[in-house]
Amino acid sequence: MGNNIDIKTLEALRDGDHKSFEVVFIAYYNKTKAFINGYIKSQADAEELAEDLFVNL
């Protein structure tokens, strides 16, 4: 599947499916963390903020 998340996965995520969350998390966590780190220049804070984002997702 790679980084191409399909509609069925997103719909399952919306419905609370744990496996779908895992797929999205694996696909986007590192990219999200790198994006945040580009702004705040703190690896530890970027990790925490990325994790917070996924907890809220």
PDB file of N, CA and C in Angstrom:
ATOM      1  N   MET A   1       0.822  -1.193   0.000  1.00  0.00           N
ATOM      2  CA  MET A   1       0.000   0.000   0.000  1.00  0.00           C
ATOM      3  C   MET A   1       0.863   1.253   0.000  1.00  0.00           C
ATOM      4  N   GLY A   2       1.999   1.260   0.641  1.00  0.00           N
ATOM      5  CA  GLY A   2       2.893   2.403   0.648  1.00  0.00           C
ATOM      6  C   GLY A   2       2.270   3.619   1.292  1.00  0.00           C
ATOM      7  N   ASN A   3       2.494   4.770   0.697  1.00  0.00           N
ATOM      8  CA  ASN A   3       1.953   6.014   1.230  1.00  0.00           C
ATOM      9  C   ASN A   3       0.644   6.411   0.565  1.00  0.00           C
ATOM     10  N   ASN A   4       0.109   5.565  -0.279  1.00  0.00           N
ATOM     11  CA  ASN A   4      -1.162   5.851  -0.923  1.00  0.00           C
ATOM     12  C   ASN A   4      -2.282   5.227  -0.096  1.00  0.00           C
ATOM     13  N   ILE A   5      -2.917   6.043   0.703  1.00  0.00           N
ATOM     14  CA  ILE A   5      -4.005   5.580   1.556  1.00  0.00           C
ATOM     15  C   ILE A   5      -5.287   5.647   0.732  1.00  0.00           C
ATOM     16  N   ASP A   6      -5.986   4.522   0.645  1.00  0.00           N
ATOM     17  CA  ASP A   6      -7.198   4.499  -0.172  1.00  0.00           C
ATOM     18  C   ASP A   6      -8.422   4.945   0.631  1.00  0.00           C
ATOM     19  N   ILE A   7      -9.498   5.173  -0.086  1.00  0.00           N
ATOM     20  CA  ILE A   7     -10.744   5.659   0.513  1.00  0.00           C
ATOM     21  C   ILE A   7     -11.278   4.679   1.547  1.00  0.00           C
ATOM     22  N   LYS A   8     -11.198   3.393   1.280  1.00  0.00           N
ATOM     23  CA  LYS A   8     -11.708   2.390   2.225  1.00  0.00           C
ATOM     24  C   LYS A   8     -10.965   2.465   3.556  1.00  0.00           C
ATOM     25  N   THR A   9      -9.666   2.685   3.505  1.00  0.00           N
ATOM     26  CA  THR A   9      -8.879   2.807   4.728  1.00  0.00           C
ATOM     27  C   THR A   9      -9.290   4.047   5.504  1.00  0.00           C
ATOM     28  N   LEU A  10      -9.491   5.155   4.802  1.00  0.00           N
ATOM     29  CA  LEU A  10      -9.912   6.389   5.472  1.00  0.00           C
ATOM     30  C   LEU A  10     -11.312   6.263   6.069  1.00  0.00           C
ATOM     31  N   GLU A  11     -12.195   5.595   5.366  1.00  0.00           N
ATOM     32  CA  GLU A  11     -13.548   5.383   5.897  1.00  0.00           C
ATOM     33  C   GLU A  11     -13.502   4.493   7.132  1.00  0.00           C
ATOM     34  N   ALA A  12     -12.681   3.456   7.087  1.00  0.00           N
ATOM     35  CA  ALA A  12     -12.538   2.570   8.247  1.00  0.00           C
ATOM     36  C   ALA A  12     -11.925   3.327   9.421  1.00  0.00           C
ATOM     37  N   LEU A  13     -10.970   4.210   9.141  1.00  0.00           N
ATOM     38  CA  LEU A  13     -10.372   5.036  10.192  1.00  0.00           C
ATOM     39  C   LEU A  13     -11.443   5.918  10.829  1.00  0.00           C
ATOM     40  N   ARG A  14     -12.251   6.526  10.011  1.00  0.00           N
ATOM     41  CA  ARG A  14     -13.346   7.369  10.506  1.00  0.00           C
ATOM     42  C   ARG A  14     -14.281   6.582  11.416  1.00  0.00           C
ATOM     43  N   ASP A  15     -14.463   5.293  11.088  1.00  0.00           N
ATOM     44  CA  ASP A  15     -15.354   4.442  11.868  1.00  0.00           C
ATOM     45  C   ASP A  15     -14.677   3.822  13.085  1.00  0.00           C
ATOM     46  N   GLY A  16     -13.400   4.176  13.318  1.00  0.00           N
ATOM     47  CA  GLY A  16     -12.711   3.723  14.522  1.00  0.00           C
ATOM     48  C   GLY A  16     -11.932   2.426  14.381  1.00  0.00           C
ATOM     49  N   ASP A  17     -11.662   2.000  13.176  1.00  0.00           N
ATOM     50  CA  ASP A  17     -10.936   0.746  12.954  1.00  0.00           C
ATOM     51  C   ASP A  17      -9.466   0.904  13.336  1.00  0.00           C
ATOM     52  N   HIS A  18      -8.997   0.070  14.272  1.00  0.00           N
ATOM     53  CA  HIS A  18      -7.625   0.157  14.776  1.00  0.00           C
ATOM     54  C   HIS A  18      -6.598  -0.155  13.692  1.00  0.00           C
ATOM     55  N   LYS A  19      -6.855  -1.143  12.867  1.00  0.00           N
ATOM     56  CA  LYS A  19      -5.922  -1.525  11.808  1.00  0.00           C
ATOM     57  C   LYS A  19      -5.732  -0.375  10.812  1.00  0.00           C
ATOM     58  N   SER A  20      -6.788   0.327  10.499  1.00  0.00           N
ATOM     59  CA  SER A  20      -6.698   1.470   9.591  1.00  0.00           C
ATOM     60  C   SER A  20      -5.869   2.584  10.212  1.00  0.00           C
ATOM     61  N   PHE A  21      -6.051   2.811  11.503  1.00  0.00           N
ATOM     62  CA  PHE A  21      -5.231   3.808  12.183  1.00  0.00           C
ATOM     63  C   PHE A  21      -3.754   3.435  12.077  1.00  0.00           C
ATOM     64  N   GLU A  22      -3.467   2.173  12.285  1.00  0.00           N
ATOM     65  CA  GLU A  22      -2.091   1.691  12.203  1.00  0.00           C
ATOM     66  C   GLU A  22      -1.501   1.945  10.812  1.00  0.00           C
ATOM     67  N   VAL A  23      -2.278   1.686   9.783  1.00  0.00           N
ATOM     68  CA  VAL A  23      -1.825   1.897   8.408  1.00  0.00           C
ATOM     69  C   VAL A  23      -1.503   3.378   8.180  1.00  0.00           C
ATOM     70  N   VAL A  24      -2.393   4.261   8.613  1.00  0.00           N
ATOM     71  CA  VAL A  24      -2.193   5.700   8.432  1.00  0.00           C
ATOM     72  C   VAL A  24      -1.002   6.173   9.270  1.00  0.00           C
ATOM     73  N   PHE A  25      -0.911   5.693  10.498  1.00  0.00           N
ATOM     74  CA  PHE A  25       0.196   6.078  11.376  1.00  0.00           C
ATOM     75  C   PHE A  25       1.541   5.695  10.766  1.00  0.00           C
ATOM     76  N   ILE A  26       1.657   4.464  10.314  1.00  0.00           N
ATOM     77  CA  ILE A  26       2.908   3.992   9.721  1.00  0.00           C
ATOM     78  C   ILE A  26       3.248   4.786   8.463  1.00  0.00           C
ATOM     79  N   ALA A  27       2.241   5.125   7.682  1.00  0.00           N
ATOM     80  CA  ALA A  27       2.477   5.834   6.428  1.00  0.00           C
ATOM     81  C   ALA A  27       2.890   7.289   6.644  1.00  0.00           C
ATOM     82  N   TYR A  28       2.396   7.931   7.698  1.00  0.00           N
ATOM     83  CA  TYR A  28       2.571   9.371   7.816  1.00  0.00           C
ATOM     84  C   TYR A  28       3.309   9.869   9.056  1.00  0.00           C
ATOM     85  N   TYR A  29       3.593   9.031  10.023  1.00  0.00           N
ATOM     86  CA  TYR A  29       4.231   9.517  11.253  1.00  0.00           C
ATOM     87  C   TYR A  29       5.585  10.172  10.972  1.00  0.00           C
ATOM     88  N   ASN A  30       6.469   9.485  10.277  1.00  0.00           N
ATOM     89  CA  ASN A  30       7.809  10.039  10.045  1.00  0.00           C
ATOM     90  C   ASN A  30       7.769  11.313   9.217  1.00  0.00           C
ATOM     91  N   LYS A  31       6.907  11.372   8.220  1.00  0.00           N
ATOM     92  CA  LYS A  31       6.782  12.588   7.406  1.00  0.00           C
ATOM     93  C   LYS A  31       6.218  13.745   8.234  1.00  0.00           C
ATOM     94  N   THR A  32       5.246  13.440   9.071  1.00  0.00           N
ATOM     95  CA  THR A  32       4.659  14.463   9.931  1.00  0.00           C
ATOM     96  C   THR A  32       5.698  14.991  10.909  1.00  0.00           C
ATOM     97  N   LYS A  33       6.444  14.091  11.512  1.00  0.00           N
ATOM     98  CA  LYS A  33       7.482  14.475  12.466  1.00  0.00           C
ATOM     99  C   LYS A  33       8.544  15.346  11.780  1.00  0.00           C
ATOM    100  N   ALA A  34       8.968  14.977  10.596  1.00  0.00           N
ATOM    101  CA  ALA A  34       9.971  15.754   9.866  1.00  0.00           C
ATOM    102  C   ALA A  34       9.435  17.141   9.502  1.00  0.00           C
ATOM    103  N   PHE A  35       8.186  17.200   9.103  1.00  0.00           N
ATOM    104  CA  PHE A  35       7.562  18.479   8.761  1.00  0.00           C
ATOM    105  C   PHE A  35       7.551  19.410   9.971  1.00  0.00           C
ATOM    106  N   ILE A  36       7.110  18.893  11.108  1.00  0.00           N
ATOM    107  CA  ILE A  36       7.062  19.693  12.337  1.00  0.00           C
ATOM    108  C   ILE A  36       8.468  20.111  12.746  1.00  0.00           C
ATOM    109  N   ASN A  37       9.417  19.185  12.674  1.00  0.00           N
ATOM    110  CA  ASN A  37      10.796  19.489  13.055  1.00  0.00           C
ATOM    111  C   ASN A  37      11.384  20.600  12.184  1.00  0.00           C
ATOM    112  N   GLY A  38      10.953  20.677  10.947  1.00  0.00           N
ATOM    113  CA  GLY A  38      11.413  21.746  10.066  1.00  0.00           C
ATOM    114  C   GLY A  38      11.036  23.128  10.572  1.00  0.00           C
ATOM    115  N   TYR A  39       9.972  23.207  11.333  1.00  0.00           N
ATOM    116  CA  TYR A  39       9.529  24.487  11.871  1.00  0.00           C
ATOM    117  C   TYR A  39      10.098  24.777  13.250  1.00  0.00           C
ATOM    118  N   ILE A  40      10.114  23.766  14.113  1.00  0.00           N
ATOM    119  CA  ILE A  40      10.477  24.054  15.506  1.00  0.00           C
ATOM    120  C   ILE A  40      11.911  23.686  15.848  1.00  0.00           C
ATOM    121  N   LYS A  41      12.592  22.939  14.986  1.00  0.00           N
ATOM    122  CA  LYS A  41      14.006  22.591  15.148  1.00  0.00           C
ATOM    123  C   LYS A  41      14.308  21.895  16.478  1.00  0.00           C
ATOM    124  N   SER A  42      13.383  21.050  16.922  1.00  0.00           N
ATOM    125  CA  SER A  42      13.589  20.256  18.133  1.00  0.00           C
ATOM    126  C   SER A  42      13.014  18.868  17.877  1.00  0.00           C
ATOM    127  N   GLN A  43      13.894  17.879  17.742  1.00  0.00           N
ATOM    128  CA  GLN A  43      13.468  16.516  17.443  1.00  0.00           C
ATOM    129  C   GLN A  43      12.508  15.981  18.503  1.00  0.00           C
ATOM    130  N   ALA A  44      12.841  16.192  19.770  1.00  0.00           N
ATOM    131  CA  ALA A  44      12.000  15.679  20.862  1.00  0.00           C
ATOM    132  C   ALA A  44      10.611  16.316  20.828  1.00  0.00           C
ATOM    133  N   ASP A  45      10.557  17.625  20.648  1.00  0.00           N
ATOM    134  CA  ASP A  45       9.265  18.314  20.591  1.00  0.00           C
ATOM    135  C   ASP A  45       8.479  17.916  19.340  1.00  0.00           C
ATOM    136  N   ALA A  46       9.191  17.719  18.224  1.00  0.00           N
ATOM    137  CA  ALA A  46       8.522  17.290  16.991  1.00  0.00           C
ATOM    138  C   ALA A  46       7.894  15.919  17.172  1.00  0.00           C
ATOM    139  N   GLU A  47       8.605  15.007  17.830  1.00  0.00           N
ATOM    140  CA  GLU A  47       8.039  13.677  18.094  1.00  0.00           C
ATOM    141  C   GLU A  47       6.797  13.783  18.958  1.00  0.00           C
ATOM    142  N   GLU A  48       6.870  14.592  20.000  1.00  0.00           N
ATOM    143  CA  GLU A  48       5.723  14.733  20.907  1.00  0.00           C
ATOM    144  C   GLU A  48       4.517  15.342  20.189  1.00  0.00           C
ATOM    145  N   LEU A  49       4.758  16.359  19.384  1.00  0.00           N
ATOM    146  CA  LEU A  49       3.657  16.991  18.667  1.00  0.00           C
ATOM    147  C   LEU A  49       3.051  16.055  17.622  1.00  0.00           C
ATOM    148  N   ALA A  50       3.887  15.295  16.930  1.00  0.00           N
ATOM    149  CA  ALA A  50       3.380  14.333  15.949  1.00  0.00           C
ATOM    150  C   ALA A  50       2.547  13.259  16.645  1.00  0.00           C
ATOM    151  N   GLU A  51       3.028  12.787  17.794  1.00  0.00           N
ATOM    152  CA  GLU A  51       2.255  11.797  18.542  1.00  0.00           C
ATOM    153  C   GLU A  51       0.931  12.385  19.004  1.00  0.00           C
ATOM    154  N   ASP A  52       0.951  13.616  19.491  1.00  0.00           N
ATOM    155  CA  ASP A  52      -0.283  14.283  19.912  1.00  0.00           C
ATOM    156  C   ASP A  52      -1.277  14.388  18.758  1.00  0.00           C
ATOM    157  N   LEU A  53      -0.762  14.721  17.573  1.00  0.00           N
ATOM    158  CA  LEU A  53      -1.620  14.819  16.404  1.00  0.00           C
ATOM    159  C   LEU A  53      -2.332  13.491  16.144  1.00  0.00           C
ATOM    160  N   PHE A  54      -1.578  12.391  16.205  1.00  0.00           N
ATOM    161  CA  PHE A  54      -2.177  11.082  15.933  1.00  0.00           C
ATOM    162  C   PHE A  54      -3.099  10.627  17.058  1.00  0.00           C
ATOM    163  N   VAL A  55      -2.815  11.017  18.288  1.00  0.00           N
ATOM    164  CA  VAL A  55      -3.729  10.697  19.390  1.00  0.00           C
ATOM    165  C   VAL A  55      -5.072  11.384  19.151  1.00  0.00           C
ATOM    166  N   ASN A  56      -5.021  12.630  18.693  1.00  0.00           N
ATOM    167  CA  ASN A  56      -6.250  13.371  18.430  1.00  0.00           C
ATOM    168  C   ASN A  56      -6.977  12.866  17.186  1.00  0.00           C
ATOM    169  N   LEU A  57      -6.240  12.254  16.272  1.00  0.00           N
ATOM    170  CA  LEU A  57      -6.845  11.707  15.070  1.00  0.00           C
ATOM    171  C   LEU A  57      -7.744  10.554  15.436  1.00  0.00           C
TER     172      LEU A  57
END
